[in-house]
């Protein structure tokens, strides 16, 4: 049994604390003292993870630093830099967030300064993890020993954890799949059918792979849990926030209203601009990403964006 601290009491942080509490000593850190007190008293997180009881073994706190064998950062990417700066330089750190930092365009591994660190990614809805349903994830770190050691700590119960040393590939897969999920949501919201959904997922994966391999990721990573697995879940699952954004955009909703109703972070909205900028810098063709950006920025209506994709000239698939 190890001492783990989950930093961030949103949906995913709360879910991980619930899942890991059966095997480890777990602390769950909330930024706001009032939130920590309320969750401690009610053993619930009704704002972010309604209907889930937090095990009595999970200790709630709003104080840093925390003494733990392993820290799990469950803040959005936007909050990772500030959080990481508050943590000891020698801390063992896992980040659960996926995406690019707004403004800098940095991935999490470019933000975190702790050398013993890595990304936990893969197809995983917080609600299902919290309820103890099976899932399989990938933990990626540049240090193979740290990757094995950390995966062994997190692996167990109904959570299967694989290891990878392709940190860049795993992070690119996690960041870009949210953009593709918005595209698939738009297609489904327009009633384009399951053929179109399959095409968008497949061609979206091709875009993700082109970008990821150009940045040093391994092709096989994008065929695995952190690539195809996460994309399929996020693009088709009813619990996907990014898919929901696409669905509501297709039905005529404004982005501001959609995000206000969502009440959670939809990382694809923040990451779309960074992905497009990176693709242009690397001279990589990413038409689905470009179309999603045009819709998010109000330059194209959803139906017009789809029409733009359909009228592209034919080309070889590879």
C-alpha atoms as a PDB file:
ATOM      1  CA  UNK A   1       0.000   0.000   0.000  1.00  0.00           C
ATOM      2  CA  UNK A   2       1.335   3.418  -1.010  1.00  0.00           C
ATOM      3  CA  UNK A   3       0.437   6.968  -0.055  1.00  0.00           C
ATOM      4  CA  UNK A   4      -1.147   8.723  -3.040  1.00  0.00           C
ATOM      5  CA  UNK A   5      -2.355  12.304  -3.356  1.00  0.00           C
ATOM      6  CA  UNK A   6      -4.759  13.330  -6.109  1.00  0.00           C
ATOM      7  CA  UNK A   7      -4.469  17.054  -6.797  1.00  0.00           C
ATOM      8  CA  UNK A   8      -7.726  18.397  -8.175  1.00  0.00           C
ATOM      9  CA  UNK A   9     -11.263  17.524  -7.101  1.00  0.00           C
ATOM     10  CA  UNK A  10     -13.009  17.730 -10.437  1.00  0.00           C
ATOM     11  CA  UNK A  11     -14.692  14.721 -12.038  1.00  0.00           C
ATOM     12  CA  UNK A  12     -11.534  12.870 -13.059  1.00  0.00           C
ATOM     13  CA  UNK A  13      -9.595  13.583  -9.866  1.00  0.00           C
ATOM     14  CA  UNK A  14     -12.496  12.460  -7.709  1.00  0.00           C
ATOM     15  CA  UNK A  15     -12.976   9.326  -9.815  1.00  0.00           C
ATOM     16  CA  UNK A  16      -9.312   8.352  -9.529  1.00  0.00           C
ATOM     17  CA  UNK A  17      -9.363   8.904  -5.767  1.00  0.00           C
ATOM     18  CA  UNK A  18     -12.415   6.633  -5.507  1.00  0.00           C
ATOM     19  CA  UNK A  19     -10.832   3.928  -7.676  1.00  0.00           C
ATOM     20  CA  UNK A  20      -7.463   3.923  -5.912  1.00  0.00           C
ATOM     21  CA  UNK A  21      -8.747   4.095  -2.333  1.00  0.00           C
ATOM     22  CA  UNK A  22      -9.395   0.347  -2.230  1.00  0.00           C
ATOM     23  CA  UNK A  23      -5.657  -0.361  -2.575  1.00  0.00           C
ATOM     24  CA  UNK A  24      -3.841   2.709  -1.245  1.00  0.00           C
ATOM     25  CA  UNK A  25      -3.942   5.546   1.264  1.00  0.00           C
ATOM     26  CA  UNK A  26      -5.475   8.374  -0.761  1.00  0.00           C
ATOM     27  CA  UNK A  27      -5.729  12.098  -0.160  1.00  0.00           C
ATOM     28  CA  UNK A  28      -7.862  14.245  -2.475  1.00  0.00           C
ATOM     29  CA  UNK A  29      -6.866  17.900  -2.694  1.00  0.00           C
ATOM     30  CA  UNK A  30      -9.391  20.595  -3.595  1.00  0.00           C
ATOM     31  CA  UNK A  31      -8.213  24.119  -4.323  1.00  0.00           C
ATOM     32  CA  UNK A  32     -11.106  25.731  -2.413  1.00  0.00           C
ATOM     33  CA  UNK A  33     -11.304  24.999   1.344  1.00  0.00           C
ATOM     34  CA  UNK A  34     -15.105  25.253   1.193  1.00  0.00           C
ATOM     35  CA  UNK A  35     -15.266  22.530  -1.465  1.00  0.00           C
ATOM     36  CA  UNK A  36     -12.996  20.252   0.552  1.00  0.00           C
ATOM     37  CA  UNK A  37     -15.121  20.729   3.685  1.00  0.00           C
ATOM     38  CA  UNK A  38     -18.381  20.129   1.821  1.00  0.00           C
ATOM     39  CA  UNK A  39     -17.064  16.951   0.193  1.00  0.00           C
ATOM     40  CA  UNK A  40     -15.677  15.712   3.510  1.00  0.00           C
ATOM     41  CA  UNK A  41     -19.071  16.148   5.159  1.00  0.00           C
ATOM     42  CA  UNK A  42     -21.309  14.842   2.365  1.00  0.00           C
ATOM     43  CA  UNK A  43     -18.879  12.268   0.864  1.00  0.00           C
ATOM     44  CA  UNK A  44     -20.101  13.479  -2.522  1.00  0.00           C
ATOM     45  CA  UNK A  45     -18.941  15.723  -5.356  1.00  0.00           C
ATOM     46  CA  UNK A  46     -22.327  16.627  -6.754  1.00  0.00           C
ATOM     47  CA  UNK A  47     -21.033  19.444  -8.956  1.00  0.00           C
ATOM     48  CA  UNK A  48     -18.554  17.369 -10.964  1.00  0.00           C
ATOM     49  CA  UNK A  49     -19.405  13.714 -10.298  1.00  0.00           C
ATOM     50  CA  UNK A  50     -23.031  13.467  -9.151  1.00  0.00           C
ATOM     51  CA  UNK A  51     -24.395  10.290  -7.641  1.00  0.00           C
ATOM     52  CA  UNK A  52     -21.009   8.850  -6.646  1.00  0.00           C
ATOM     53  CA  UNK A  53     -20.167   8.194  -3.002  1.00  0.00           C
ATOM     54  CA  UNK A  54     -16.591   9.006  -2.038  1.00  0.00           C
ATOM     55  CA  UNK A  55     -15.148   6.143   0.040  1.00  0.00           C
ATOM     56  CA  UNK A  56     -14.541   6.891   3.698  1.00  0.00           C
ATOM     57  CA  UNK A  57     -10.874   6.013   3.193  1.00  0.00           C
ATOM     58  CA  UNK A  58     -10.354   9.092   0.968  1.00  0.00           C
ATOM     59  CA  UNK A  59      -9.153  12.044   3.041  1.00  0.00           C
ATOM     60  CA  UNK A  60     -10.154  15.489   1.759  1.00  0.00           C
ATOM     61  CA  UNK A  61      -7.822  18.466   2.132  1.00  0.00           C
ATOM     62  CA  UNK A  62      -7.192  21.926   0.691  1.00  0.00           C
ATOM     63  CA  UNK A  63      -3.636  22.274   1.988  1.00  0.00           C
ATOM     64  CA  UNK A  64      -0.345  21.920   0.129  1.00  0.00           C
ATOM     65  CA  UNK A  65       2.249  20.431   0.221  1.00  0.00           C
ATOM     66  CA  UNK A  66       1.105  16.870   0.770  1.00  0.00           C
ATOM     67  CA  UNK A  67       3.298  13.991   1.888  1.00  0.00           C
ATOM     68  CA  UNK A  68       2.839  11.174  -0.590  1.00  0.00           C
ATOM     69  CA  UNK A  69       4.755   8.550  -2.529  1.00  0.00           C
ATOM     70  CA  UNK A  70       3.055   9.626  -5.738  1.00  0.00           C
ATOM     71  CA  UNK A  71       1.193  12.794  -6.731  1.00  0.00           C
ATOM     72  CA  UNK A  72      -1.501  12.708  -9.421  1.00  0.00           C
ATOM     73  CA  UNK A  73      -2.262  16.112 -10.957  1.00  0.00           C
ATOM     74  CA  UNK A  74      -5.910  16.144 -12.014  1.00  0.00           C
ATOM     75  CA  UNK A  75      -6.273  19.831 -12.837  1.00  0.00           C
ATOM     76  CA  UNK A  76      -7.030  21.011 -16.388  1.00  0.00           C
ATOM     77  CA  UNK A  77      -3.950  21.787 -18.482  1.00  0.00           C
ATOM     78  CA  UNK A  78      -4.629  25.479 -17.817  1.00  0.00           C
ATOM     79  CA  UNK A  79      -3.903  24.956 -14.126  1.00  0.00           C
ATOM     80  CA  UNK A  80      -0.970  22.554 -14.415  1.00  0.00           C
ATOM     81  CA  UNK A  81       1.864  25.097 -14.570  1.00  0.00           C
ATOM     82  CA  UNK A  82       0.753  26.884 -11.404  1.00  0.00           C
ATOM     83  CA  UNK A  83       0.241  23.612  -9.553  1.00  0.00           C
ATOM     84  CA  UNK A  84       3.542  22.033 -10.628  1.00  0.00           C
ATOM     85  CA  UNK A  85       5.449  25.118  -9.450  1.00  0.00           C
ATOM     86  CA  UNK A  86       4.088  24.571  -5.925  1.00  0.00           C
ATOM     87  CA  UNK A  87       5.272  20.958  -5.733  1.00  0.00           C
ATOM     88  CA  UNK A  88       8.706  19.715  -4.602  1.00  0.00           C
ATOM     89  CA  UNK A  89      11.214  19.368  -7.435  1.00  0.00           C
ATOM     90  CA  UNK A  90      11.895  15.748  -6.448  1.00  0.00           C
ATOM     91  CA  UNK A  91       8.217  14.737  -6.282  1.00  0.00           C
ATOM     92  CA  UNK A  92       7.017  11.759  -8.317  1.00  0.00           C
ATOM     93  CA  UNK A  93       4.235  13.232 -10.428  1.00  0.00           C
ATOM     94  CA  UNK A  94       1.608  11.837 -12.792  1.00  0.00           C
ATOM     95  CA  UNK A  95      -0.619  14.183 -14.777  1.00  0.00           C
ATOM     96  CA  UNK A  96      -4.095  13.140 -15.844  1.00  0.00           C
ATOM     97  CA  UNK A  97      -4.892  16.172 -18.014  1.00  0.00           C
ATOM     98  CA  UNK A  98      -4.844  16.108 -21.820  1.00  0.00           C
ATOM     99  CA  UNK A  99      -4.316  19.028 -24.148  1.00  0.00           C
ATOM    100  CA  UNK A 100      -2.172  22.021 -25.006  1.00  0.00           C
ATOM    101  CA  UNK A 101      -1.677  25.002 -22.717  1.00  0.00           C
ATOM    102  CA  UNK A 102      -3.514  28.007 -24.101  1.00  0.00           C
ATOM    103  CA  UNK A 103      -1.124  30.749 -25.165  1.00  0.00           C
ATOM    104  CA  UNK A 104       2.150  28.820 -25.013  1.00  0.00           C
ATOM    105  CA  UNK A 105       0.907  25.775 -26.928  1.00  0.00           C
ATOM    106  CA  UNK A 106       2.937  23.601 -24.544  1.00  0.00           C
ATOM    107  CA  UNK A 107       2.108  19.980 -23.795  1.00  0.00           C
ATOM    108  CA  UNK A 108       2.131  18.907 -20.121  1.00  0.00           C
ATOM    109  CA  UNK A 109       5.627  17.372 -20.319  1.00  0.00           C
ATOM    110  CA  UNK A 110       6.915  20.795 -21.442  1.00  0.00           C
ATOM    111  CA  UNK A 111       5.332  22.424 -18.378  1.00  0.00           C
ATOM    112  CA  UNK A 112       6.247  19.998 -15.585  1.00  0.00           C
ATOM    113  CA  UNK A 113       9.752  20.376 -14.091  1.00  0.00           C
ATOM    114  CA  UNK A 114       9.762  17.209 -11.943  1.00  0.00           C
ATOM    115  CA  UNK A 115      12.080  14.611 -13.593  1.00  0.00           C
ATOM    116  CA  UNK A 116      10.185  11.622 -12.141  1.00  0.00           C
ATOM    117  CA  UNK A 117       6.970  12.310 -13.993  1.00  0.00           C
ATOM    118  CA  UNK A 118       4.713  11.101 -16.771  1.00  0.00           C
ATOM    119  CA  UNK A 119       1.240  11.010 -18.338  1.00  0.00           C
ATOM    120  CA  UNK A 120      -1.651   8.656 -17.601  1.00  0.00           C
ATOM    121  CA  UNK A 121      -3.948   8.504 -20.610  1.00  0.00           C
ATOM    122  CA  UNK A 122      -6.388   6.306 -22.489  1.00  0.00           C
ATOM    123  CA  UNK A 123     -10.129   5.725 -22.918  1.00  0.00           C
ATOM    124  CA  UNK A 124     -11.698   6.471 -19.550  1.00  0.00           C
ATOM    125  CA  UNK A 125     -14.870   8.289 -18.529  1.00  0.00           C
ATOM    126  CA  UNK A 126     -14.694   9.497 -14.934  1.00  0.00           C
ATOM    127  CA  UNK A 127     -18.174   8.255 -14.018  1.00  0.00           C
ATOM    128  CA  UNK A 128     -17.403   4.673 -15.076  1.00  0.00           C
ATOM    129  CA  UNK A 129     -14.011   4.614 -13.341  1.00  0.00           C
ATOM    130  CA  UNK A 130     -15.581   5.916 -10.123  1.00  0.00           C
ATOM    131  CA  UNK A 131     -18.228   3.174 -10.270  1.00  0.00           C
ATOM    132  CA  UNK A 132     -15.567   0.492 -10.585  1.00  0.00           C
ATOM    133  CA  UNK A 133     -16.230  -0.469 -14.194  1.00  0.00           C
ATOM    134  CA  UNK A 134     -13.273  -1.925 -16.129  1.00  0.00           C
ATOM    135  CA  UNK A 135     -10.859   0.317 -18.010  1.00  0.00           C
ATOM    136  CA  UNK A 136      -7.397   0.079 -19.562  1.00  0.00           C
ATOM    137  CA  UNK A 137      -4.942   2.982 -19.527  1.00  0.00           C
ATOM    138  CA  UNK A 138      -1.395   3.773 -20.615  1.00  0.00           C
ATOM    139  CA  UNK A 139       1.216   5.370 -18.381  1.00  0.00           C
ATOM    140  CA  UNK A 140       3.994   7.028 -20.365  1.00  0.00           C
ATOM    141  CA  UNK A 141       7.303   8.309 -19.009  1.00  0.00           C
ATOM    142  CA  UNK A 142      10.774   8.807 -20.438  1.00  0.00           C
ATOM    143  CA  UNK A 143      12.268   6.798 -17.561  1.00  0.00           C
ATOM    144  CA  UNK A 144      11.402   3.132 -18.144  1.00  0.00           C
ATOM    145  CA  UNK A 145      11.980   2.205 -14.492  1.00  0.00           C
ATOM    146  CA  UNK A 146       9.692   4.963 -13.263  1.00  0.00           C
ATOM    147  CA  UNK A 147       7.070   3.947 -15.832  1.00  0.00           C
ATOM    148  CA  UNK A 148       7.070   0.330 -14.590  1.00  0.00           C
ATOM    149  CA  UNK A 149       7.077   1.353 -10.923  1.00  0.00           C
ATOM    150  CA  UNK A 150       4.205   3.797 -11.346  1.00  0.00           C
ATOM    151  CA  UNK A 151       2.109   1.497 -13.517  1.00  0.00           C
ATOM    152  CA  UNK A 152       2.466  -1.217 -10.849  1.00  0.00           C
ATOM    153  CA  UNK A 153       1.141   1.195  -8.206  1.00  0.00           C
ATOM    154  CA  UNK A 154      -1.874   2.254 -10.268  1.00  0.00           C
ATOM    155  CA  UNK A 155      -2.661  -1.149 -11.803  1.00  0.00           C
ATOM    156  CA  UNK A 156      -5.177  -3.256  -9.952  1.00  0.00           C
ATOM    157  CA  UNK A 157      -8.825  -3.892  -9.282  1.00  0.00           C
ATOM    158  CA  UNK A 158     -10.641  -3.171 -12.530  1.00  0.00           C
ATOM    159  CA  UNK A 159      -8.022  -0.734 -13.777  1.00  0.00           C
ATOM    160  CA  UNK A 160      -5.418  -2.206 -16.126  1.00  0.00           C
ATOM    161  CA  UNK A 161      -2.354  -0.023 -16.736  1.00  0.00           C
ATOM    162  CA  UNK A 162       0.126  -0.529 -19.562  1.00  0.00           C
ATOM    163  CA  UNK A 163       3.489   1.236 -19.871  1.00  0.00           C
ATOM    164  CA  UNK A 164       5.019   3.281 -22.662  1.00  0.00           C
ATOM    165  CA  UNK A 165       8.136   5.370 -23.159  1.00  0.00           C
ATOM    166  CA  UNK A 166       6.482   7.347 -25.955  1.00  0.00           C
ATOM    167  CA  UNK A 167       5.513  10.343 -23.842  1.00  0.00           C
ATOM    168  CA  UNK A 168       5.094  12.680 -26.817  1.00  0.00           C
ATOM    169  CA  UNK A 169       2.900  10.233 -28.733  1.00  0.00           C
ATOM    170  CA  UNK A 170       0.660   9.536 -25.742  1.00  0.00           C
ATOM    171  CA  UNK A 171       0.223  13.246 -25.065  1.00  0.00           C
ATOM    172  CA  UNK A 172      -0.483  14.113 -28.704  1.00  0.00           C
ATOM    173  CA  UNK A 173      -3.088  11.344 -28.854  1.00  0.00           C
ATOM    174  CA  UNK A 174      -4.803  12.668 -25.738  1.00  0.00           C
ATOM    175  CA  UNK A 175      -4.742  16.293 -26.865  1.00  0.00           C
ATOM    176  CA  UNK A 176      -5.905  15.896 -30.453  1.00  0.00           C
ATOM    177  CA  UNK A 177      -8.652  13.307 -29.980  1.00  0.00           C
ATOM    178  CA  UNK A 178     -10.769  15.972 -28.263  1.00  0.00           C
ATOM    179  CA  UNK A 179     -10.711  18.097 -31.416  1.00  0.00           C
ATOM    180  CA  UNK A 180     -11.774  15.117 -33.525  1.00  0.00           C
ATOM    181  CA  UNK A 181     -14.562  14.327 -31.057  1.00  0.00           C
ATOM    182  CA  UNK A 182     -16.012  17.798 -31.652  1.00  0.00           C
ATOM    183  CA  UNK A 183     -15.971  17.055 -35.401  1.00  0.00           C
ATOM    184  CA  UNK A 184     -17.772  13.729 -34.921  1.00  0.00           C
ATOM    185  CA  UNK A 185     -20.309  15.402 -32.631  1.00  0.00           C
ATOM    186  CA  UNK A 186     -21.009  17.965 -35.346  1.00  0.00           C
ATOM    187  CA  UNK A 187     -21.540  15.186 -37.888  1.00  0.00           C
ATOM    188  CA  UNK A 188     -23.881  13.306 -35.583  1.00  0.00           C
ATOM    189  CA  UNK A 189     -25.749  16.501 -34.682  1.00  0.00           C
ATOM    190  CA  UNK A 190     -26.344  17.163 -38.380  1.00  0.00           C
ATOM    191  CA  UNK A 191     -27.696  13.621 -38.795  1.00  0.00           C
ATOM    192  CA  UNK A 192     -25.025  12.571 -41.284  1.00  0.00           C
ATOM    193  CA  UNK A 193     -25.247   8.905 -40.271  1.00  0.00           C
ATOM    194  CA  UNK A 194     -22.936   6.186 -39.063  1.00  0.00           C
ATOM    195  CA  UNK A 195     -20.995   5.944 -42.338  1.00  0.00           C
ATOM    196  CA  UNK A 196     -19.934   9.559 -41.919  1.00  0.00           C
ATOM    197  CA  UNK A 197     -19.095   8.968 -38.253  1.00  0.00           C
ATOM    198  CA  UNK A 198     -16.774   6.081 -39.155  1.00  0.00           C
ATOM    199  CA  UNK A 199     -15.133   8.179 -41.869  1.00  0.00           C
ATOM    200  CA  UNK A 200     -14.549  11.134 -39.529  1.00  0.00           C
ATOM    201  CA  UNK A 201     -13.043   8.917 -36.831  1.00  0.00           C
ATOM    202  CA  UNK A 202     -10.762   7.143 -39.305  1.00  0.00           C
ATOM    203  CA  UNK A 203      -9.598  10.267 -41.108  1.00  0.00           C
ATOM    204  CA  UNK A 204      -9.320  12.055 -37.774  1.00  0.00           C
ATOM    205  CA  UNK A 205      -6.982   9.325 -36.568  1.00  0.00           C
ATOM    206  CA  UNK A 206      -4.941   9.790 -39.752  1.00  0.00           C
ATOM    207  CA  UNK A 207      -4.536  13.497 -38.891  1.00  0.00           C
ATOM    208  CA  UNK A 208      -3.564  12.683 -35.305  1.00  0.00           C
ATOM    209  CA  UNK A 209      -0.985  10.139 -36.496  1.00  0.00           C
ATOM    210  CA  UNK A 210       0.534  12.489 -39.071  1.00  0.00           C
ATOM    211  CA  UNK A 211       1.032  15.205 -36.488  1.00  0.00           C
ATOM    212  CA  UNK A 212       2.164  12.864 -33.732  1.00  0.00           C
ATOM    213  CA  UNK A 213       4.783  11.044 -35.777  1.00  0.00           C
ATOM    214  CA  UNK A 214       6.134  14.336 -37.143  1.00  0.00           C
ATOM    215  CA  UNK A 215       6.686  15.425 -33.544  1.00  0.00           C
ATOM    216  CA  UNK A 216       8.515  12.211 -32.669  1.00  0.00           C
ATOM    217  CA  UNK A 217       5.681   9.933 -31.553  1.00  0.00           C
ATOM    218  CA  UNK A 218       5.657   6.259 -32.535  1.00  0.00           C
ATOM    219  CA  UNK A 219       3.068   5.101 -35.108  1.00  0.00           C
ATOM    220  CA  UNK A 220       2.017   2.175 -32.895  1.00  0.00           C
ATOM    221  CA  UNK A 221       1.085   4.571 -30.079  1.00  0.00           C
ATOM    222  CA  UNK A 222      -1.703   5.995 -32.219  1.00  0.00           C
ATOM    223  CA  UNK A 223      -3.104   2.524 -32.851  1.00  0.00           C
ATOM    224  CA  UNK A 224      -3.247   1.844 -29.101  1.00  0.00           C
ATOM    225  CA  UNK A 225      -5.182   2.940 -26.046  1.00  0.00           C
ATOM    226  CA  UNK A 226      -3.889   6.519 -25.977  1.00  0.00           C
ATOM    227  CA  UNK A 227      -4.600   6.959 -29.684  1.00  0.00           C
ATOM    228  CA  UNK A 228      -7.405   5.015 -31.370  1.00  0.00           C
ATOM    229  CA  UNK A 229      -8.888   3.821 -28.069  1.00  0.00           C
ATOM    230  CA  UNK A 230      -9.276   7.280 -26.568  1.00  0.00           C
ATOM    231  CA  UNK A 231     -10.472   8.758 -29.866  1.00  0.00           C
ATOM    232  CA  UNK A 232     -13.200   6.144 -30.356  1.00  0.00           C
ATOM    233  CA  UNK A 233     -14.509   6.590 -26.816  1.00  0.00           C
ATOM    234  CA  UNK A 234     -14.453  10.397 -26.868  1.00  0.00           C
ATOM    235  CA  UNK A 235     -15.975  10.628 -30.334  1.00  0.00           C
ATOM    236  CA  UNK A 236     -18.860   8.194 -29.722  1.00  0.00           C
ATOM    237  CA  UNK A 237     -19.553   8.047 -25.975  1.00  0.00           C
ATOM    238  CA  UNK A 238     -22.576   9.842 -24.548  1.00  0.00           C
ATOM    239  CA  UNK A 239     -20.511  10.990 -21.545  1.00  0.00           C
ATOM    240  CA  UNK A 240     -18.027  12.855 -23.774  1.00  0.00           C
ATOM    241  CA  UNK A 241     -18.007  16.608 -23.171  1.00  0.00           C
ATOM    242  CA  UNK A 242     -16.209  17.343 -26.444  1.00  0.00           C
ATOM    243  CA  UNK A 243     -18.691  15.277 -28.447  1.00  0.00           C
ATOM    244  CA  UNK A 244     -21.512  17.169 -26.709  1.00  0.00           C
ATOM    245  CA  UNK A 245     -20.004  20.495 -27.791  1.00  0.00           C
ATOM    246  CA  UNK A 246     -20.074  19.313 -31.413  1.00  0.00           C
ATOM    247  CA  UNK A 247     -23.644  18.028 -31.129  1.00  0.00           C
ATOM    248  CA  UNK A 248     -24.922  21.324 -29.744  1.00  0.00           C
ATOM    249  CA  UNK A 249     -22.992  23.429 -32.257  1.00  0.00           C
ATOM    250  CA  UNK A 250     -24.646  21.431 -35.044  1.00  0.00           C
ATOM    251  CA  UNK A 251     -28.043  22.177 -33.495  1.00  0.00           C
ATOM    252  CA  UNK A 252     -27.414  25.908 -33.642  1.00  0.00           C
ATOM    253  CA  UNK A 253     -26.153  26.642 -30.128  1.00  0.00           C
ATOM    254  CA  UNK A 254     -23.586  29.360 -29.500  1.00  0.00           C
ATOM    255  CA  UNK A 255     -20.239  28.226 -28.137  1.00  0.00           C
ATOM    256  CA  UNK A 256     -20.439  30.476 -25.072  1.00  0.00           C
ATOM    257  CA  UNK A 257     -23.885  29.159 -24.130  1.00  0.00           C
ATOM    258  CA  UNK A 258     -22.835  25.546 -24.707  1.00  0.00           C
ATOM    259  CA  UNK A 259     -19.773  25.861 -22.470  1.00  0.00           C
ATOM    260  CA  UNK A 260     -21.785  27.639 -19.767  1.00  0.00           C
ATOM    261  CA  UNK A 261     -24.338  24.801 -19.711  1.00  0.00           C
ATOM    262  CA  UNK A 262     -21.612  22.169 -19.759  1.00  0.00           C
ATOM    263  CA  UNK A 263     -20.158  23.318 -16.437  1.00  0.00           C
ATOM    264  CA  UNK A 264     -16.936  21.390 -17.132  1.00  0.00           C
ATOM    265  CA  UNK A 265     -13.813  22.002 -19.175  1.00  0.00           C
ATOM    266  CA  UNK A 266     -14.007  20.735 -22.779  1.00  0.00           C
ATOM    267  CA  UNK A 267     -10.297  20.567 -23.591  1.00  0.00           C
ATOM    268  CA  UNK A 268     -10.915  20.241 -27.335  1.00  0.00           C
ATOM    269  CA  UNK A 269     -12.189  23.814 -27.482  1.00  0.00           C
ATOM    270  CA  UNK A 270      -8.949  25.073 -25.964  1.00  0.00           C
ATOM    271  CA  UNK A 271      -6.697  22.692 -27.881  1.00  0.00           C
ATOM    272  CA  UNK A 272      -8.142  23.172 -31.375  1.00  0.00           C
ATOM    273  CA  UNK A 273      -6.311  26.428 -32.061  1.00  0.00           C
ATOM    274  CA  UNK A 274      -3.006  25.043 -30.775  1.00  0.00           C
ATOM    275  CA  UNK A 275      -3.338  21.887 -32.900  1.00  0.00           C
ATOM    276  CA  UNK A 276      -4.041  23.932 -36.026  1.00  0.00           C
ATOM    277  CA  UNK A 277      -1.128  26.303 -35.349  1.00  0.00           C
ATOM    278  CA  UNK A 278       1.186  23.341 -34.846  1.00  0.00           C
ATOM    279  CA  UNK A 279       0.004  21.667 -38.046  1.00  0.00           C
ATOM    280  CA  UNK A 280       0.711  24.828 -40.032  1.00  0.00           C
ATOM    281  CA  UNK A 281       4.135  25.190 -38.444  1.00  0.00           C
ATOM    282  CA  UNK A 282       4.956  21.569 -39.300  1.00  0.00           C
ATOM    283  CA  UNK A 283       3.309  21.873 -42.751  1.00  0.00           C
ATOM    284  CA  UNK A 284       0.979  18.944 -42.019  1.00  0.00           C
ATOM    285  CA  UNK A 285      -2.409  18.717 -43.709  1.00  0.00           C
ATOM    286  CA  UNK A 286      -5.178  18.567 -41.057  1.00  0.00           C
ATOM    287  CA  UNK A 287      -8.451  19.498 -42.794  1.00  0.00           C
ATOM    288  CA  UNK A 288     -10.764  18.220 -40.047  1.00  0.00           C
ATOM    289  CA  UNK A 289      -8.878  20.265 -37.466  1.00  0.00           C
ATOM    290  CA  UNK A 290      -9.110  23.332 -39.709  1.00  0.00           C
ATOM    291  CA  UNK A 291     -12.865  22.833 -40.137  1.00  0.00           C
ATOM    292  CA  UNK A 292     -13.426  22.482 -36.393  1.00  0.00           C
ATOM    293  CA  UNK A 293     -11.497  25.704 -35.775  1.00  0.00           C
ATOM    294  CA  UNK A 294     -13.556  27.546 -38.369  1.00  0.00           C
ATOM    295  CA  UNK A 295     -16.763  26.471 -36.620  1.00  0.00           C
ATOM    296  CA  UNK A 296     -15.484  27.278 -33.114  1.00  0.00           C
ATOM    297  CA  UNK A 297     -14.384  30.740 -34.250  1.00  0.00           C
ATOM    298  CA  UNK A 298     -17.707  31.404 -35.984  1.00  0.00           C
ATOM    299  CA  UNK A 299     -16.194  31.644 -39.461  1.00  0.00           C
ATOM    300  CA  UNK A 300     -18.195  28.703 -40.806  1.00  0.00           C
ATOM    301  CA  UNK A 301     -21.547  27.186 -39.946  1.00  0.00           C
ATOM    302  CA  UNK A 302     -21.324  23.454 -39.105  1.00  0.00           C
ATOM    303  CA  UNK A 303     -23.070  22.382 -42.322  1.00  0.00           C
ATOM    304  CA  UNK A 304     -20.747  24.551 -44.415  1.00  0.00           C
ATOM    305  CA  UNK A 305     -17.696  23.060 -42.694  1.00  0.00           C
ATOM    306  CA  UNK A 306     -18.869  19.543 -43.572  1.00  0.00           C
ATOM    307  CA  UNK A 307     -19.521  20.606 -47.165  1.00  0.00           C
ATOM    308  CA  UNK A 308     -15.988  22.001 -47.325  1.00  0.00           C
ATOM    309  CA  UNK A 309     -14.575  18.623 -46.253  1.00  0.00           C
ATOM    310  CA  UNK A 310     -16.730  16.711 -48.748  1.00  0.00           C
ATOM    311  CA  UNK A 311     -15.687  18.830 -51.712  1.00  0.00           C
ATOM    312  CA  UNK A 312     -11.954  18.329 -51.214  1.00  0.00           C
ATOM    313  CA  UNK A 313     -10.151  16.749 -54.162  1.00  0.00           C
ATOM    314  CA  UNK A 314      -9.700  12.954 -54.067  1.00  0.00           C
ATOM    315  CA  UNK A 315      -6.299  11.638 -52.957  1.00  0.00           C
ATOM    316  CA  UNK A 316      -4.524   8.437 -51.932  1.00  0.00           C
ATOM    317  CA  UNK A 317      -5.576   7.226 -48.478  1.00  0.00           C
ATOM    318  CA  UNK A 318      -2.098   6.475 -47.113  1.00  0.00           C
END
